[in-house]
Each structure stands twice: as structure tokens, then as C-alpha cells.
Amino acid sequence: KTFTCKYAVIRRDDMTVIAEMDFFPDCNRSLMYRDGRYVRFLPLLQNDIMGSDTLINELTIRAGYHE
């Protein structure tokens, strides 16, 4: 028997399958871009910052401005 493995990206809010793929990126952190059926993962470097509600806080800490 041949067993093939598939991966899926699932949106947690409603458990909808956002993307299906035959392989998963081999990196610790990445950004996913989706255009219809096509999915692309771009690896993030160690010092790359993801935008979030704590982004400003992270930037001030990295700049040396601790409160």
C-alpha cells in the first residue's frame, strides 16, 4: 500500500479548511499567502517581527526603551 500524507490549514474560529497541501514548510516560522487555491509560505528570519497587538511594545524593547 502507498500512504500519502496531506496537510491542512484550518481556521480555528469555524474549523473551515483554508488550504490543503502535499507538504508543509520546513521552518520554525513562516507567513502564509493564499490566492484562491494556491498557497505560498515565506519563511521568517529570527529577527523578523510579526504585526500584532504587542508590536509597538516589541519595537520599543528592541530599540532599548524599556518602561
PDB file of N, CA and C in Angstrom:
ATOM      1  N   LYS A   1       0.838  -1.197   0.000  1.00  0.00           N
ATOM      2  CA  LYS A   1       0.000   0.000   0.000  1.00  0.00           C
ATOM      3  C   LYS A   1       0.872   1.246   0.000  1.00  0.00           C
ATOM      4  N   THR A   2       0.410   2.242  -0.686  1.00  0.00           N
ATOM      5  CA  THR A   2       1.090   3.529  -0.679  1.00  0.00           C
ATOM      6  C   THR A   2       0.278   4.486   0.175  1.00  0.00           C
ATOM      7  N   PHE A   3       0.919   5.056   1.170  1.00  0.00           N
ATOM      8  CA  PHE A   3       0.247   6.007   2.051  1.00  0.00           C
ATOM      9  C   PHE A   3       0.760   7.398   1.735  1.00  0.00           C
ATOM     10  N   THR A   4      -0.134   8.285   1.389  1.00  0.00           N
ATOM     11  CA  THR A   4       0.263   9.668   1.137  1.00  0.00           C
ATOM     12  C   THR A   4      -0.274  10.537   2.257  1.00  0.00           C
ATOM     13  N   CYS A   5       0.527  11.475   2.658  1.00  0.00           N
ATOM     14  CA  CYS A   5       0.178  12.364   3.760  1.00  0.00           C
ATOM     15  C   CYS A   5      -0.211  13.722   3.190  1.00  0.00           C
ATOM     16  N   LYS A   6      -1.285  14.277   3.677  1.00  0.00           N
ATOM     17  CA  LYS A   6      -1.725  15.608   3.279  1.00  0.00           C
ATOM     18  C   LYS A   6      -1.765  16.481   4.524  1.00  0.00           C
ATOM     19  N   TYR A   7      -1.595  17.763   4.328  1.00  0.00           N
ATOM     20  CA  TYR A   7      -1.663  18.732   5.412  1.00  0.00           C
ATOM     21  C   TYR A   7      -2.791  19.707   5.129  1.00  0.00           C
ATOM     22  N   ALA A   8      -3.356  20.267   6.188  1.00  0.00           N
ATOM     23  CA  ALA A   8      -4.428  21.245   6.039  1.00  0.00           C
ATOM     24  C   ALA A   8      -4.194  22.397   7.003  1.00  0.00           C
ATOM     25  N   VAL A   9      -4.541  23.593   6.551  1.00  0.00           N
ATOM     26  CA  VAL A   9      -4.560  24.768   7.418  1.00  0.00           C
ATOM     27  C   VAL A   9      -6.025  25.015   7.732  1.00  0.00           C
ATOM     28  N   ILE A  10      -6.351  25.020   9.027  1.00  0.00           N
ATOM     29  CA  ILE A  10      -7.740  25.130   9.460  1.00  0.00           C
ATOM     30  C   ILE A  10      -7.924  26.408  10.264  1.00  0.00           C
ATOM     31  N   ARG A  11      -8.966  27.183   9.907  1.00  0.00           N
ATOM     32  CA  ARG A  11      -9.294  28.397  10.660  1.00  0.00           C
ATOM     33  C   ARG A  11      -9.978  27.982  11.958  1.00  0.00           C
ATOM     34  N   ARG A  12      -9.438  28.412  13.086  1.00  0.00           N
ATOM     35  CA  ARG A  12      -9.931  27.972  14.394  1.00  0.00           C
ATOM     36  C   ARG A  12     -11.325  28.485  14.715  1.00  0.00           C
ATOM     37  N   ASP A  13     -11.684  29.668  14.234  1.00  0.00           N
ATOM     38  CA  ASP A  13     -12.985  30.244  14.583  1.00  0.00           C
ATOM     39  C   ASP A  13     -14.153  29.345  14.190  1.00  0.00           C
ATOM     40  N   ASP A  14     -14.098  28.802  12.969  1.00  0.00           N
ATOM     41  CA  ASP A  14     -15.217  27.995  12.490  1.00  0.00           C
ATOM     42  C   ASP A  14     -14.796  26.634  11.934  1.00  0.00           C
ATOM     43  N   MET A  15     -13.519  26.256  12.147  1.00  0.00           N
ATOM     44  CA  MET A  15     -12.986  24.959  11.724  1.00  0.00           C
ATOM     45  C   MET A  15     -13.064  24.750  10.207  1.00  0.00           C
ATOM     46  N   THR A  16     -13.003  25.835   9.440  1.00  0.00           N
ATOM     47  CA  THR A  16     -13.012  25.757   7.983  1.00  0.00           C
ATOM     48  C   THR A  16     -11.612  25.435   7.476  1.00  0.00           C
ATOM     49  N   VAL A  17     -11.523  24.516   6.523  1.00  0.00           N
ATOM     50  CA  VAL A  17     -10.235  24.206   5.897  1.00  0.00           C
ATOM     51  C   VAL A  17      -9.906  25.336   4.933  1.00  0.00           C
ATOM     52  N   ILE A  18      -8.818  26.046   5.202  1.00  0.00           N
ATOM     53  CA  ILE A  18      -8.400  27.184   4.390  1.00  0.00           C
ATOM     54  C   ILE A  18      -7.533  26.731   3.225  1.00  0.00           C
ATOM     55  N   ALA A  19      -6.678  25.754   3.457  1.00  0.00           N
ATOM     56  CA  ALA A  19      -5.773  25.274   2.409  1.00  0.00           C
ATOM     57  C   ALA A  19      -5.414  23.822   2.677  1.00  0.00           C
ATOM     58  N   GLU A  20      -5.216  23.074   1.602  1.00  0.00           N
ATOM     59  CA  GLU A  20      -4.715  21.704   1.684  1.00  0.00           C
ATOM     60  C   GLU A  20      -3.431  21.631   0.884  1.00  0.00           C
ATOM     61  N   MET A  21      -2.465  20.850   1.370  1.00  0.00           N
ATOM     62  CA  MET A  21      -1.190  20.767   0.659  1.00  0.00           C
ATOM     63  C   MET A  21      -0.559  19.398   0.850  1.00  0.00           C
ATOM     64  N   ASP A  22       0.350  19.075  -0.058  1.00  0.00           N
ATOM     65  CA  ASP A  22       1.043  17.790  -0.020  1.00  0.00           C
ATOM     66  C   ASP A  22       2.284  17.821   0.857  1.00  0.00           C
ATOM     67  N   PHE A  23       2.770  19.010   1.193  1.00  0.00           N
ATOM     68  CA  PHE A  23       3.955  19.141   2.042  1.00  0.00           C
ATOM     69  C   PHE A  23       3.764  20.352   2.935  1.00  0.00           C
ATOM     70  N   PHE A  24       4.543  20.420   3.981  1.00  0.00           N
ATOM     71  CA  PHE A  24       4.483  21.554   4.903  1.00  0.00           C
ATOM     72  C   PHE A  24       5.867  22.174   4.959  1.00  0.00           C
ATOM     73  N   PRO A  25       5.960  23.495   5.043  1.00  0.00           N
ATOM     74  CA  PRO A  25       7.278  24.144   5.028  1.00  0.00           C
ATOM     75  C   PRO A  25       8.150  23.697   6.197  1.00  0.00           C
ATOM     76  N   ASP A  26       9.420  23.532   5.922  1.00  0.00           N
ATOM     77  CA  ASP A  26      10.372  23.078   6.929  1.00  0.00           C
ATOM     78  C   ASP A  26      11.070  24.285   7.543  1.00  0.00           C
ATOM     79  N   CYS A  27      10.343  25.026   8.370  1.00  0.00           N
ATOM     80  CA  CYS A  27      10.911  26.188   9.054  1.00  0.00           C
ATOM     81  C   CYS A  27      10.121  26.406  10.344  1.00  0.00           C
ATOM     82  N   ASN A  28      10.701  27.151  11.269  1.00  0.00           N
ATOM     83  CA  ASN A  28      10.038  27.385  12.555  1.00  0.00           C
ATOM     84  C   ASN A  28       8.882  28.364  12.445  1.00  0.00           C
ATOM     85  N   ARG A  29       9.067  29.417  11.647  1.00  0.00           N
ATOM     86  CA  ARG A  29       8.028  30.441  11.498  1.00  0.00           C
ATOM     87  C   ARG A  29       7.923  30.822  10.025  1.00  0.00           C
ATOM     88  N   SER A  30       6.703  31.053   9.567  1.00  0.00           N
ATOM     89  CA  SER A  30       6.524  31.482   8.187  1.00  0.00           C
ATOM     90  C   SER A  30       5.212  32.246   8.061  1.00  0.00           C
ATOM     91  N   LEU A  31       5.111  33.024   6.998  1.00  0.00           N
ATOM     92  CA  LEU A  31       3.872  33.704   6.645  1.00  0.00           C
ATOM     93  C   LEU A  31       3.217  32.926   5.522  1.00  0.00           C
ATOM     94  N   MET A  32       1.898  32.783   5.604  1.00  0.00           N
ATOM     95  CA  MET A  32       1.181  32.086   4.548  1.00  0.00           C
ATOM     96  C   MET A  32       0.419  33.100   3.714  1.00  0.00           C
ATOM     97  N   TYR A  33       0.591  33.025   2.415  1.00  0.00           N
ATOM     98  CA  TYR A  33      -0.167  33.837   1.475  1.00  0.00           C
ATOM     99  C   TYR A  33      -1.052  32.901   0.674  1.00  0.00           C
ATOM    100  N   ARG A  34      -2.328  33.266   0.539  1.00  0.00           N
ATOM    101  CA  ARG A  34      -3.253  32.421  -0.205  1.00  0.00           C
ATOM    102  C   ARG A  34      -3.913  33.241  -1.294  1.00  0.00           C
ATOM    103  N   ASP A  35      -3.950  32.689  -2.502  1.00  0.00           N
ATOM    104  CA  ASP A  35      -4.618  33.312  -3.638  1.00  0.00           C
ATOM    105  C   ASP A  35      -5.498  32.243  -4.275  1.00  0.00           C
ATOM    106  N   GLY A  36      -6.745  32.202  -3.849  1.00  0.00           N
ATOM    107  CA  GLY A  36      -7.634  31.154  -4.344  1.00  0.00           C
ATOM    108  C   GLY A  36      -7.169  29.791  -3.877  1.00  0.00           C
ATOM    109  N   ARG A  37      -6.856  28.920  -4.820  1.00  0.00           N
ATOM    110  CA  ARG A  37      -6.405  27.569  -4.487  1.00  0.00           C
ATOM    111  C   ARG A  37      -4.926  27.499  -4.180  1.00  0.00           C
ATOM    112  N   TYR A  38      -4.177  28.531  -4.484  1.00  0.00           N
ATOM    113  CA  TYR A  38      -2.723  28.490  -4.343  1.00  0.00           C
ATOM    114  C   TYR A  38      -2.281  29.055  -2.999  1.00  0.00           C
ATOM    115  N   VAL A  39      -1.363  28.343  -2.358  1.00  0.00           N
ATOM    116  CA  VAL A  39      -0.829  28.751  -1.063  1.00  0.00           C
ATOM    117  C   VAL A  39       0.679  28.863  -1.185  1.00  0.00           C
ATOM    118  N   ARG A  40       1.220  29.920  -0.571  1.00  0.00           N
ATOM    119  CA  ARG A  40       2.671  30.125  -0.600  1.00  0.00           C
ATOM    120  C   ARG A  40       3.130  30.439   0.819  1.00  0.00           C
ATOM    121  N   PHE A  41       4.190  29.809   1.263  1.00  0.00           N
ATOM    122  CA  PHE A  41       4.763  30.070   2.577  1.00  0.00           C
ATOM    123  C   PHE A  41       6.104  30.763   2.402  1.00  0.00           C
ATOM    124  N   LEU A  42       6.294  31.862   3.120  1.00  0.00           N
ATOM    125  CA  LEU A  42       7.568  32.570   3.117  1.00  0.00           C
ATOM    126  C   LEU A  42       8.171  32.468   4.509  1.00  0.00           C
ATOM    127  N   PRO A  43       9.367  31.888   4.640  1.00  0.00           N
ATOM    128  CA  PRO A  43       9.980  31.747   5.962  1.00  0.00           C
ATOM    129  C   PRO A  43      10.332  33.101   6.565  1.00  0.00           C
ATOM    130  N   LEU A  44      10.195  33.193   7.878  1.00  0.00           N
ATOM    131  CA  LEU A  44      10.573  34.400   8.612  1.00  0.00           C
ATOM    132  C   LEU A  44      11.937  34.186   9.249  1.00  0.00           C
ATOM    133  N   LEU A  45      12.731  35.219   9.248  1.00  0.00           N
ATOM    134  CA  LEU A  45      14.027  35.168   9.912  1.00  0.00           C
ATOM    135  C   LEU A  45      13.844  35.339  11.413  1.00  0.00           C
ATOM    136  N   GLN A  46      14.864  35.042  12.178  1.00  0.00           N
ATOM    137  CA  GLN A  46      14.797  35.123  13.637  1.00  0.00           C
ATOM    138  C   GLN A  46      14.431  36.525  14.116  1.00  0.00           C
ATOM    139  N   ASN A  47      14.949  37.560  13.449  1.00  0.00           N
ATOM    140  CA  ASN A  47      14.698  38.927  13.914  1.00  0.00           C
ATOM    141  C   ASN A  47      13.527  39.591  13.203  1.00  0.00           C
ATOM    142  N   ASP A  48      12.776  38.878  12.363  1.00  0.00           N
ATOM    143  CA  ASP A  48      11.566  39.425  11.744  1.00  0.00           C
ATOM    144  C   ASP A  48      10.465  39.509  12.793  1.00  0.00           C
ATOM    145  N   ILE A  49       9.681  40.572  12.735  1.00  0.00           N
ATOM    146  CA  ILE A  49       8.604  40.785  13.700  1.00  0.00           C
ATOM    147  C   ILE A  49       7.269  40.655  12.984  1.00  0.00           C
ATOM    148  N   MET A  50       6.362  39.886  13.575  1.00  0.00           N
ATOM    149  CA  MET A  50       5.004  39.777  13.036  1.00  0.00           C
ATOM    150  C   MET A  50       4.152  40.867  13.667  1.00  0.00           C
ATOM    151  N   GLY A  51       3.302  41.490  12.878  1.00  0.00           N
ATOM    152  CA  GLY A  51       2.409  42.524  13.397  1.00  0.00           C
ATOM    153  C   GLY A  51       1.341  41.921  14.294  1.00  0.00           C
ATOM    154  N   SER A  52       1.191  42.478  15.476  1.00  0.00           N
ATOM    155  CA  SER A  52       0.176  42.006  16.414  1.00  0.00           C
ATOM    156  C   SER A  52      -0.161  43.153  17.357  1.00  0.00           C
ATOM    157  N   ASP A  53      -0.989  42.858  18.341  1.00  0.00           N
ATOM    158  CA  ASP A  53      -1.357  43.899  19.298  1.00  0.00           C
ATOM    159  C   ASP A  53      -0.191  44.294  20.197  1.00  0.00           C
ATOM    160  N   THR A  54       0.875  43.510  20.213  1.00  0.00           N
ATOM    161  CA  THR A  54       2.047  43.842  21.026  1.00  0.00           C
ATOM    162  C   THR A  54       3.205  44.372  20.187  1.00  0.00           C
ATOM    163  N   LEU A  55       2.961  44.687  18.921  1.00  0.00           N
ATOM    164  CA  LEU A  55       4.031  45.105  18.017  1.00  0.00           C
ATOM    165  C   LEU A  55       4.769  46.341  18.525  1.00  0.00           C
ATOM    166  N   ILE A  56       4.050  47.376  18.926  1.00  0.00           N
ATOM    167  CA  ILE A  56       4.695  48.610  19.390  1.00  0.00           C
ATOM    168  C   ILE A  56       5.560  48.328  20.610  1.00  0.00           C
ATOM    169  N   ASN A  57       5.063  47.503  21.514  1.00  0.00           N
ATOM    170  CA  ASN A  57       5.830  47.139  22.704  1.00  0.00           C
ATOM    171  C   ASN A  57       7.123  46.423  22.324  1.00  0.00           C
ATOM    172  N   GLU A  58       7.048  45.476  21.397  1.00  0.00           N
ATOM    173  CA  GLU A  58       8.238  44.743  20.953  1.00  0.00           C
ATOM    174  C   GLU A  58       9.257  45.679  20.313  1.00  0.00           C
ATOM    175  N   LEU A  59       8.774  46.611  19.501  1.00  0.00           N
ATOM    176  CA  LEU A  59       9.683  47.543  18.827  1.00  0.00           C
ATOM    177  C   LEU A  59      10.408  48.442  19.827  1.00  0.00           C
ATOM    178  N   THR A  60       9.698  48.924  20.842  1.00  0.00           N
ATOM    179  CA  THR A  60      10.351  49.790  21.833  1.00  0.00           C
ATOM    180  C   THR A  60      11.366  49.008  22.665  1.00  0.00           C
ATOM    181  N   ILE A  61      11.082  47.750  22.958  1.00  0.00           N
ATOM    182  CA  ILE A  61      12.038  46.924  23.706  1.00  0.00           C
ATOM    183  C   ILE A  61      13.292  46.697  22.873  1.00  0.00           C
ATOM    184  N   ARG A  62      13.115  46.377  21.593  1.00  0.00           N
ATOM    185  CA  ARG A  62      14.276  46.153  20.720  1.00  0.00           C
ATOM    186  C   ARG A  62      15.089  47.424  20.512  1.00  0.00           C
ATOM    187  N   ALA A  63      14.420  48.566  20.568  1.00  0.00           N
ATOM    188  CA  ALA A  63      15.124  49.838  20.398  1.00  0.00           C
ATOM    189  C   ALA A  63      15.816  50.268  21.689  1.00  0.00           C
ATOM    190  N   GLY A  64      15.572  49.555  22.792  1.00  0.00           N
ATOM    191  CA  GLY A  64      16.238  49.864  24.050  1.00  0.00           C
ATOM    192  C   GLY A  64      15.459  50.784  24.964  1.00  0.00           C
ATOM    193  N   TYR A  65      14.187  51.019  24.670  1.00  0.00           N
ATOM    194  CA  TYR A  65      13.362  51.893  25.504  1.00  0.00           C
ATOM    195  C   TYR A  65      12.479  51.054  26.412  1.00  0.00           C
ATOM    196  N   HIS A  66      13.041  50.570  27.514  1.00  0.00           N
ATOM    197  CA  HIS A  66      12.241  49.816  28.484  1.00  0.00           C
ATOM    198  C   HIS A  66      11.499  50.786  29.367  1.00  0.00           C
ATOM    199  N   GLU A  67      10.278  50.412  29.742  1.00  0.00           N
ATOM    200  CA  GLU A  67       9.498  51.279  30.643  1.00  0.00           C
ATOM    201  C   GLU A  67       9.766  50.921  32.083  1.00  0.00           C
TER     202      GLU A  67
END
